Amino acid sequence: MTTTRPPSVDALARTLARDGPGQALPFALLVALTRKAIDAARAAGNGAQAEALARKLVTAAAAGVPQRIVNATGVLLHTNLGRAPLHPDAARRAAEVATGYGNVEFDLASGKRGGRHHYVDQLLQAVTGAEAGIAVNNNAAALLLSLGALAAPNGVLVSRGELIEIGGSFRLPELMAASGAVLIEVGTTNRTRAADYERRVEGAAAVLKVHPSNYRVEGFAEEVGYGELADIAAGAGLPFIADVGSGLLDARTPWLSGPPPSWLASEPGVRQTLEAGADVVLFSGDKLLGGPQAGLAVGKRAVVDRMAEHPTMRALRLDGPQLAALAATLELYADGRGAEIPFWAMAACSDAELRTRLQGLMAAAAVGGEIVAGASLPGAGSVPGEEIPSPVLAVTTAVDARWRRLLDATPAVLTRRQEHVLLIDLRAVDPADDAHIAAALA
């Protein structure tokens, strides 16, 4: 029995480099993928399969190359798409530091080594009213650090209704165990009272309240508020850690014109949580704050200093470009320009403006469809259960083919399919990309 001899690795890799998705990949990676395909074809006893297998591997690899995507899903903080897009000032500042050297830990005034968080600390004080602030690489890291620095190896009181699990199988009890702290559950899933905490404070090292970021407990439910919990912790001489999650700096949203949006009604503000008596408040930098991925901790100087001095701080810290982007984002709030941050600009976009853009899209694409009432989502587990009313374009013909064509465009356009209808929501789309969507849709 004879088998077809596979091509040489080098020859097939050079063929793949000349056309299709292989053009986007470095040659060394093409060689590795080609060798893998040839080995698989040889093991199957059919060398003729080598090129087809290699093209499949190359196509899959090229799809994983980090690249910009046009987000027409209506989910503003889409976790799978990188959450909050940065303000141009933040992106520019990060690029300047990333492509050169920066004063990450150098004090230009004294000419000596400086603190990594000194400037961000000052900005966090200015925008939250806290005594001090630090930044780590995400909010889970901020929680891990706070538990390790303030509670481990002793117990932490947490309501059973707040033992959260979020995307990627992150579970609070498991993170707490990793920190070295011991979980002390109080209350029940749906009802936790002040007395439940008071009965367990003896022997505990801290009190933790976690704002549910992706679910709600409704109906026959009860929880203890931040102010009352702060009093219980203070009375027992324990630090009160408040993880508010999403990064809403101020529930009054002073950076927006008019009253706070109704969809923010149940979201705790960082400033208000501090005013209620929390010793340290933890929140994300890449959700409602609208900055880079980061976990921020603000609160009393003595508490924040304990976290900053903990050994795990070095493993969790931000690098220069992330710090630069975070600082630029916080500067926008400090300057009263928070409304310019992409998340808030998208969230505040008017119904009339979105309808006008959708009408232009329909005309340019010459596609049948209808503008209908829909809803955008804040996303990333922020403001669970809340929606932002938004008009959307509903297309009912060739739905699957159009969805695929949009995804295959360069840059790719991601939309929603729902009950055999293609839905295009422009709230999270830069107006400059409207023509690109129309061209891909036509």
Protein backbone atom coordinates (compact mmCIF):
# COMPACT_ATOMS: atom_id res chain seq x y z
CA MET A 1 0.00 0.00 0.00
CA THR A 2 1.39 3.42 -0.95
CA THR A 3 0.65 6.74 0.69
CA THR A 4 0.92 10.24 -0.73
CA ARG A 5 4.12 11.90 0.39
CA PRO A 6 3.48 15.21 2.23
CA PRO A 7 5.18 18.41 1.01
CA SER A 8 8.25 19.75 2.80
CA VAL A 9 7.66 21.94 5.83
CA ASP A 10 9.48 24.93 4.36
CA ALA A 11 7.75 24.75 0.97
CA LEU A 12 4.25 24.51 2.46
CA ALA A 13 4.95 27.26 5.02
CA ARG A 14 6.10 29.60 2.21
CA THR A 15 2.97 28.79 0.21
CA LEU A 16 0.78 29.64 3.21
CA ALA A 17 2.67 32.89 3.80
CA ARG A 18 1.77 34.21 0.33
CA ASP A 19 -2.02 34.24 0.60
CA GLY A 20 -4.97 34.24 2.95
CA PRO A 21 -4.70 34.41 6.73
CA GLY A 22 -1.11 33.18 6.65
CA GLN A 23 -0.02 36.67 5.58
CA ALA A 24 -0.87 37.94 9.07
CA LEU A 25 1.36 35.45 10.90
CA PRO A 26 5.12 35.45 11.50
CA PHE A 27 6.98 32.86 9.44
CA ALA A 28 8.29 30.98 12.50
CA LEU A 29 4.72 30.35 13.62
CA LEU A 30 3.73 29.22 10.11
CA VAL A 31 6.59 26.72 10.18
CA ALA A 32 5.46 25.35 13.57
CA LEU A 33 1.84 25.02 12.43
CA THR A 34 2.88 23.45 9.13
CA ARG A 35 5.05 20.89 10.88
CA LYS A 36 2.15 20.01 13.19
CA ALA A 37 -0.18 19.54 10.20
CA ILE A 38 2.32 17.38 8.28
CA ASP A 39 2.91 15.19 11.33
CA ALA A 40 -0.85 14.71 11.73
CA ALA A 41 -1.29 13.88 8.05
CA ARG A 42 1.62 11.43 8.15
CA ALA A 43 0.15 9.76 11.26
CA ALA A 44 -3.17 9.40 9.42
CA GLY A 45 -1.36 7.77 6.49
CA ASN A 46 -2.43 10.44 4.00
CA GLY A 47 0.13 13.11 3.20
CA ALA A 48 -2.32 14.78 0.83
CA GLN A 49 -4.21 16.07 3.85
CA ALA A 50 -1.25 18.12 5.02
CA GLU A 51 -2.05 21.37 3.20
CA ALA A 52 -5.75 21.33 4.16
CA LEU A 53 -4.86 20.66 7.81
CA ALA A 54 -2.22 23.38 7.77
CA ARG A 55 -4.65 25.93 6.31
CA LYS A 56 -7.16 25.09 9.03
CA LEU A 57 -4.55 25.60 11.75
CA VAL A 58 -3.34 28.85 10.18
CA THR A 59 -6.88 30.21 9.88
CA ALA A 60 -7.54 29.45 13.54
CA ALA A 61 -4.25 31.06 14.61
CA ALA A 62 -4.86 34.20 12.54
CA ALA A 63 -8.28 34.63 14.17
CA GLY A 64 -6.49 34.86 17.52
CA VAL A 65 -4.21 37.74 16.54
CA PRO A 66 -5.12 40.71 18.82
CA GLN A 67 -7.03 43.17 16.65
CA ARG A 68 -9.68 45.86 16.77
CA ILE A 69 -13.33 44.82 16.54
CA VAL A 70 -16.36 47.02 15.86
CA ASN A 71 -18.81 46.37 18.68
CA ALA A 72 -22.39 46.60 17.35
CA THR A 73 -23.84 44.31 20.03
CA GLY A 74 -25.11 47.09 22.27
CA VAL A 75 -23.07 45.73 25.22
CA LEU A 76 -20.95 48.73 26.17
CA LEU A 77 -18.52 46.94 28.51
CA HIS A 78 -18.22 43.69 26.58
CA THR A 79 -15.87 41.46 28.59
CA ASN A 80 -15.01 39.33 25.55
CA LEU A 81 -14.09 42.46 23.60
CA GLY A 82 -11.88 44.09 26.24
CA ARG A 83 -14.48 46.05 28.25
CA ALA A 84 -14.03 49.85 28.26
CA PRO A 85 -12.37 51.54 25.27
CA LEU A 86 -9.85 54.12 26.43
CA HIS A 87 -10.13 57.85 25.97
CA PRO A 88 -7.60 59.04 23.33
CA ASP A 89 -5.68 60.93 26.03
CA ALA A 90 -5.29 57.74 28.04
CA ALA A 91 -4.26 55.68 25.01
CA ARG A 92 -1.76 58.32 23.92
CA ARG A 93 -0.22 58.57 27.39
CA ALA A 94 0.12 54.78 27.61
CA ALA A 95 1.72 54.62 24.15
CA GLU A 96 4.25 57.32 25.04
CA VAL A 97 5.37 55.38 28.11
CA ALA A 98 5.27 51.99 26.36
CA THR A 99 7.47 53.08 23.46
CA GLY A 100 10.08 54.79 25.60
CA TYR A 101 11.08 55.23 29.22
CA GLY A 102 8.98 56.82 31.95
CA ASN A 103 9.11 58.01 35.54
CA VAL A 104 7.40 54.86 36.83
CA GLU A 105 9.47 54.83 40.02
CA PHE A 106 11.60 57.95 39.59
CA ASP A 107 10.99 61.33 41.22
CA LEU A 108 11.94 64.04 38.73
CA ALA A 109 11.77 66.72 41.44
CA SER A 110 14.39 65.14 43.70
CA GLY A 111 16.26 63.15 41.09
CA LYS A 112 15.89 60.04 43.23
CA ARG A 113 13.83 56.87 43.26
CA GLY A 114 10.13 57.59 43.74
CA GLY A 115 6.92 55.76 44.60
CA ARG A 116 5.07 53.93 41.84
CA HIS A 117 1.64 55.07 43.06
CA HIS A 118 2.38 58.59 44.29
CA TYR A 119 0.60 60.48 41.48
CA VAL A 120 -2.30 58.00 41.16
CA ASP A 121 -2.68 58.16 44.95
CA GLN A 122 -3.12 61.95 44.74
CA LEU A 123 -5.62 61.67 41.89
CA LEU A 124 -7.67 59.02 43.73
CA GLN A 125 -7.80 61.27 46.78
CA ALA A 126 -9.00 64.17 44.62
CA VAL A 127 -11.80 62.28 42.85
CA THR A 128 -13.07 60.12 45.74
CA GLY A 129 -12.35 62.12 48.90
CA ALA A 130 -10.33 59.21 50.36
CA GLU A 131 -7.20 59.63 52.48
CA ALA A 132 -5.18 57.32 50.22
CA GLY A 133 -5.37 55.05 47.20
CA ILE A 134 -3.41 52.35 45.36
CA ALA A 135 -3.86 50.40 42.12
CA VAL A 136 -3.28 46.75 41.21
CA ASN A 137 -3.97 44.75 38.06
CA ASN A 138 -7.70 44.02 38.57
CA ASN A 139 -10.41 44.14 41.22
CA ALA A 140 -9.99 40.46 42.13
CA ALA A 141 -6.35 41.32 42.90
CA ALA A 142 -7.46 44.26 45.05
CA LEU A 143 -9.74 41.94 47.02
CA LEU A 144 -7.02 39.29 47.36
CA LEU A 145 -4.58 41.94 48.60
CA SER A 146 -7.03 43.45 51.09
CA LEU A 147 -7.90 40.06 52.59
CA GLY A 148 -4.25 39.01 52.82
CA ALA A 149 -3.11 42.30 54.34
CA LEU A 150 -6.02 43.04 56.68
CA ALA A 151 -7.41 39.65 57.72
CA ALA A 152 -5.26 36.58 57.06
CA PRO A 153 -4.90 34.12 58.71
CA ASN A 154 -8.06 34.97 60.65
CA GLY A 155 -11.76 35.11 59.78
CA VAL A 156 -13.74 37.54 57.63
CA LEU A 157 -17.50 38.04 58.01
CA VAL A 158 -19.41 37.83 54.71
CA SER A 159 -23.15 37.52 54.04
CA ARG A 160 -24.14 34.24 52.38
CA GLY A 161 -26.04 36.29 49.80
CA GLU A 162 -22.74 37.86 48.69
CA LEU A 163 -20.68 34.71 48.07
CA ILE A 164 -20.42 35.61 44.42
CA GLU A 165 -19.27 33.76 41.35
CA ILE A 166 -18.45 35.78 38.26
CA GLY A 167 -17.19 34.99 34.75
CA GLY A 168 -14.33 32.56 34.38
CA SER A 169 -15.41 30.55 37.45
CA PHE A 170 -14.09 33.17 39.89
CA ARG A 171 -15.61 32.33 43.28
CA LEU A 172 -15.27 34.47 46.39
CA PRO A 173 -14.75 31.55 48.82
CA GLU A 174 -11.89 30.22 46.71
CA LEU A 175 -10.20 33.60 46.41
CA MET A 176 -10.57 34.08 50.15
CA ALA A 177 -8.91 30.72 50.77
CA ALA A 178 -6.06 31.72 48.45
CA SER A 179 -5.54 34.91 50.48
CA GLY A 180 -5.08 32.93 53.68
CA ALA A 181 -8.17 34.44 55.31
CA VAL A 182 -10.95 32.26 56.71
CA LEU A 183 -14.52 32.66 55.49
CA ILE A 184 -17.15 33.22 58.21
CA GLU A 185 -20.61 33.05 56.62
CA VAL A 186 -23.41 35.08 58.20
CA GLY A 187 -27.14 35.24 57.51
CA THR A 188 -28.83 33.36 54.69
CA THR A 189 -28.84 33.58 50.92
CA ASN A 190 -31.77 35.98 50.78
CA ARG A 191 -31.84 37.63 54.24
CA THR A 192 -28.97 38.91 56.33
CA ARG A 193 -29.51 41.22 59.31
CA ALA A 194 -27.24 43.32 61.50
CA ALA A 195 -27.66 40.83 64.34
CA ASP A 196 -26.16 38.10 62.16
CA TYR A 197 -22.90 40.06 61.97
CA GLU A 198 -22.98 41.08 65.62
CA ARG A 199 -23.21 37.46 66.77
CA ARG A 200 -20.04 36.51 64.87
CA VAL A 201 -17.69 39.51 65.31
CA GLU A 202 -15.80 37.98 68.23
CA GLY A 203 -12.66 36.37 66.86
CA ALA A 204 -13.09 37.86 63.37
CA ALA A 205 -10.41 40.03 61.74
CA ALA A 206 -12.48 42.00 59.22
CA VAL A 207 -15.95 42.60 57.81
CA LEU A 208 -16.47 42.35 54.03
CA LYS A 209 -19.44 43.49 51.96
CA VAL A 210 -19.48 42.54 48.27
CA HIS A 211 -21.84 44.26 45.85
CA PRO A 212 -23.36 41.58 43.54
CA SER A 213 -22.05 42.51 40.10
CA ASN A 214 -24.00 40.09 37.92
CA TYR A 215 -27.16 39.10 39.81
CA ARG A 216 -29.88 40.39 42.10
CA VAL A 217 -31.61 38.92 45.12
CA GLU A 218 -35.22 40.12 44.99
CA GLY A 219 -38.49 39.38 46.74
CA PHE A 220 -38.26 38.19 50.36
CA ALA A 221 -34.78 39.65 50.80
CA GLU A 222 -32.87 41.82 53.26
CA GLU A 223 -29.29 43.06 53.53
CA VAL A 224 -27.32 45.32 55.85
CA GLY A 225 -26.38 48.71 54.40
CA TYR A 226 -22.88 50.14 54.22
CA GLY A 227 -23.41 52.65 57.03
CA GLU A 228 -24.82 50.16 59.50
CA LEU A 229 -22.15 47.61 58.65
CA ALA A 230 -19.44 50.26 59.11
CA ASP A 231 -20.80 50.97 62.61
CA ILE A 232 -20.76 47.26 63.51
CA ALA A 233 -17.17 46.89 62.29
CA ALA A 234 -16.01 50.04 64.07
CA GLY A 235 -17.69 48.97 67.29
CA ALA A 236 -15.77 45.69 67.18
CA GLY A 237 -12.50 47.37 66.18
CA LEU A 238 -12.45 45.61 62.79
CA PRO A 239 -11.60 47.03 59.35
CA PHE A 240 -14.62 47.23 57.03
CA ILE A 241 -13.79 46.27 53.43
CA ALA A 242 -16.40 47.28 50.82
CA ASP A 243 -16.06 45.77 47.34
CA VAL A 244 -18.37 47.88 45.18
CA GLY A 245 -17.06 46.34 41.97
CA SER A 246 -17.99 48.48 39.00
CA GLY A 247 -16.16 51.73 39.67
CA LEU A 248 -18.93 54.34 39.80
CA LEU A 249 -16.90 57.14 41.39
CA ASP A 250 -19.85 59.23 42.53
CA ALA A 251 -23.51 58.17 42.52
CA ARG A 252 -24.46 61.78 41.68
CA THR A 253 -22.57 61.53 38.32
CA PRO A 254 -21.53 65.21 38.42
CA TRP A 255 -19.69 64.77 35.10
CA LEU A 256 -23.03 64.26 33.28
CA SER A 257 -25.58 66.98 32.61
CA GLY A 258 -28.88 66.45 34.39
CA PRO A 259 -29.73 63.93 37.09
CA PRO A 260 -28.02 60.51 37.31
CA PRO A 261 -29.40 58.01 34.75
CA SER A 262 -32.20 55.86 36.16
CA TRP A 263 -30.32 52.65 35.31
CA LEU A 264 -27.70 53.60 37.92
CA ALA A 265 -30.18 53.86 40.79
CA SER A 266 -29.04 50.73 42.63
CA GLU A 267 -25.31 51.06 41.94
CA PRO A 268 -23.20 52.16 44.94
CA GLY A 269 -20.86 55.10 44.43
CA VAL A 270 -17.28 54.94 45.69
CA ARG A 271 -17.49 58.38 47.31
CA GLN A 272 -20.79 57.59 49.04
CA THR A 273 -19.48 54.24 50.34
CA LEU A 274 -16.49 56.01 51.87
CA GLU A 275 -18.79 58.60 53.42
CA ALA A 276 -20.85 55.76 54.91
CA GLY A 277 -17.80 54.69 56.89
CA ALA A 278 -15.96 52.00 54.89
CA ASP A 279 -12.29 51.73 55.82
CA VAL A 280 -11.33 50.69 52.29
CA VAL A 281 -13.40 50.57 49.08
CA LEU A 282 -12.40 48.31 46.19
CA PHE A 283 -13.48 48.82 42.56
CA SER A 284 -12.54 48.20 38.93
CA GLY A 285 -10.76 50.58 36.61
CA ASP A 286 -12.09 49.07 33.37
CA LYS A 287 -15.84 49.10 34.04
CA LEU A 288 -17.87 52.22 34.83
CA LEU A 289 -14.66 54.13 35.53
CA GLY A 290 -13.87 53.74 31.83
CA GLY A 291 -10.13 53.22 32.12
CA PRO A 292 -7.62 50.37 31.68
CA GLN A 293 -7.89 47.04 33.48
CA ALA A 294 -7.07 47.79 37.11
CA GLY A 295 -8.23 47.19 40.65
CA LEU A 296 -8.36 50.28 42.85
CA ALA A 297 -8.39 50.51 46.63
CA VAL A 298 -9.18 53.80 48.36
CA GLY A 299 -9.77 54.55 52.00
CA LYS A 300 -8.05 55.38 55.27
CA ARG A 301 -4.32 55.98 55.02
CA ALA A 302 -3.37 53.41 57.68
CA VAL A 303 -5.43 50.69 55.98
CA VAL A 304 -4.23 51.42 52.46
CA ASP A 305 -0.62 51.56 53.68
CA ARG A 306 -0.98 48.05 55.16
CA MET A 307 -2.09 46.82 51.75
CA ALA A 308 0.72 48.65 49.94
CA GLU A 309 3.32 47.10 52.24
CA HIS A 310 2.03 43.53 51.88
CA PRO A 311 4.39 41.12 50.04
CA THR A 312 1.84 40.27 47.33
CA MET A 313 1.62 43.92 46.29
CA ARG A 314 4.68 43.52 44.06
CA ALA A 315 3.11 40.55 42.26
CA LEU A 316 -0.12 42.47 41.62
CA ARG A 317 1.13 45.92 40.67
CA LEU A 318 0.48 47.77 37.40
CA ASP A 319 3.19 48.46 34.85
CA GLY A 320 4.12 51.86 33.44
CA PRO A 321 1.70 52.02 30.48
CA GLN A 322 -1.25 50.87 32.62
CA LEU A 323 -0.45 53.46 35.28
CA ALA A 324 -0.18 56.15 32.61
CA ALA A 325 -3.57 55.26 31.12
CA LEU A 326 -5.17 55.10 34.56
CA ALA A 327 -3.72 58.47 35.54
CA ALA A 328 -5.00 60.08 32.33
CA THR A 329 -8.48 58.64 32.95
CA LEU A 330 -8.57 59.93 36.52
CA GLU A 331 -7.35 63.34 35.31
CA LEU A 332 -10.44 63.60 33.09
CA TYR A 333 -12.68 63.19 36.14
CA ALA A 334 -10.54 65.61 38.15
CA ASP A 335 -10.85 68.18 35.35
CA GLY A 336 -14.63 67.78 35.13
CA ARG A 337 -14.34 66.04 31.74
CA GLY A 338 -15.69 62.63 32.74
CA ALA A 339 -18.45 62.89 30.13
CA GLU A 340 -15.75 62.61 27.42
CA ILE A 341 -14.74 59.13 28.59
CA PRO A 342 -15.99 56.72 25.88
CA PHE A 343 -18.22 54.67 28.17
CA TRP A 344 -20.10 57.73 29.43
CA ALA A 345 -20.25 59.31 25.97
CA MET A 346 -21.80 56.10 24.60
CA ALA A 347 -24.20 55.72 27.52
CA ALA A 348 -25.39 59.31 27.17
CA CYS A 349 -25.88 59.21 23.36
CA SER A 350 -29.43 60.35 22.60
CA ASP A 351 -32.17 58.27 21.01
CA ALA A 352 -32.50 60.86 18.22
CA GLU A 353 -28.81 60.70 17.32
CA LEU A 354 -28.82 56.90 17.22
CA ARG A 355 -31.93 56.84 15.02
CA THR A 356 -30.36 59.27 12.58
CA ARG A 357 -27.25 57.12 12.34
CA LEU A 358 -29.30 53.95 11.84
CA GLN A 359 -31.31 55.58 9.05
CA GLY A 360 -28.05 56.57 7.35
CA LEU A 361 -26.76 53.02 7.75
CA MET A 362 -29.89 51.54 6.16
CA ALA A 363 -29.69 53.92 3.23
CA ALA A 364 -25.97 53.33 2.64
CA ALA A 365 -26.29 49.55 2.87
CA ALA A 366 -29.52 49.44 0.83
CA VAL A 367 -30.68 46.67 3.11
CA GLY A 368 -34.22 45.92 4.14
CA GLY A 369 -34.91 46.22 7.80
CA GLU A 370 -36.70 48.16 10.47
CA ILE A 371 -35.60 50.44 13.28
CA VAL A 372 -37.20 49.11 16.45
CA ALA A 373 -37.05 49.87 20.17
CA GLY A 374 -34.31 47.88 21.87
CA ALA A 375 -31.97 48.04 24.82
CA SER A 376 -28.23 48.34 25.31
CA LEU A 377 -26.52 46.84 28.34
CA PRO A 378 -23.82 48.41 30.52
CA GLY A 379 -22.13 44.99 30.51
CA ALA A 380 -19.19 43.36 32.36
CA GLY A 381 -21.43 42.47 35.28
CA SER A 382 -22.07 46.15 36.04
CA VAL A 383 -25.55 47.31 37.05
CA PRO A 384 -27.16 43.83 36.87
CA GLY A 385 -30.64 43.70 35.40
CA GLU A 386 -30.56 47.28 34.11
CA GLU A 387 -30.85 48.35 30.48
CA ILE A 388 -30.32 51.55 28.50
CA PRO A 389 -33.21 52.10 26.04
CA SER A 390 -31.79 52.19 22.51
CA PRO A 391 -33.15 52.00 18.96
CA VAL A 392 -31.67 49.11 16.94
CA LEU A 393 -31.76 48.01 13.31
CA ALA A 394 -33.56 44.67 12.92
CA VAL A 395 -32.75 42.75 9.71
CA THR A 396 -34.77 39.60 8.99
CA THR A 397 -33.35 38.41 5.65
CA ALA A 398 -30.20 36.27 5.19
CA VAL A 399 -29.52 36.67 8.89
CA ASP A 400 -26.83 34.02 9.30
CA ALA A 401 -25.04 34.95 6.08
CA ARG A 402 -24.99 38.66 6.98
CA TRP A 403 -23.85 37.94 10.55
CA ARG A 404 -20.94 35.90 9.16
CA ARG A 405 -20.10 38.50 6.49
CA LEU A 406 -19.92 41.23 9.14
CA LEU A 407 -17.69 39.04 11.31
CA ASP A 408 -15.38 38.34 8.35
CA ALA A 409 -14.96 42.05 7.55
CA THR A 410 -11.73 43.89 8.38
CA PRO A 411 -12.10 45.07 11.07
CA ALA A 412 -14.65 42.48 12.15
CA VAL A 413 -18.13 43.70 13.12
CA LEU A 414 -19.85 41.82 15.93
CA THR A 415 -23.66 42.02 16.10
CA ARG A 416 -26.45 40.11 17.84
CA ARG A 417 -28.71 37.36 16.51
CA GLN A 418 -31.98 36.90 18.34
CA GLU A 419 -34.94 34.78 17.27
CA HIS A 420 -33.84 34.72 13.60
CA VAL A 421 -33.31 38.49 13.54
CA LEU A 422 -30.00 40.30 13.07
CA LEU A 423 -29.83 43.25 15.50
CA ILE A 424 -27.40 46.12 14.97
CA ASP A 425 -26.98 48.53 17.88
CA LEU A 426 -24.79 51.58 17.24
CA ARG A 427 -24.52 52.82 20.84
CA ALA A 428 -21.04 51.32 21.31
CA VAL A 429 -19.93 52.04 17.72
CA ASP A 430 -17.70 54.99 16.82
CA PRO A 431 -19.68 57.05 14.23
CA ALA A 432 -16.60 56.84 12.00
CA ASP A 433 -17.28 53.08 11.69
CA ASP A 434 -20.87 53.43 10.44
CA ALA A 435 -19.75 53.45 6.78
CA HIS A 436 -17.66 50.33 7.35
CA ILE A 437 -20.68 48.48 8.78
CA ALA A 438 -22.82 49.61 5.85
CA ALA A 439 -20.25 48.38 3.33
CA ALA A 440 -19.96 44.99 5.02
CA LEU A 441 -23.74 44.67 5.35
CA ALA A 442 -24.54 45.63 1.76
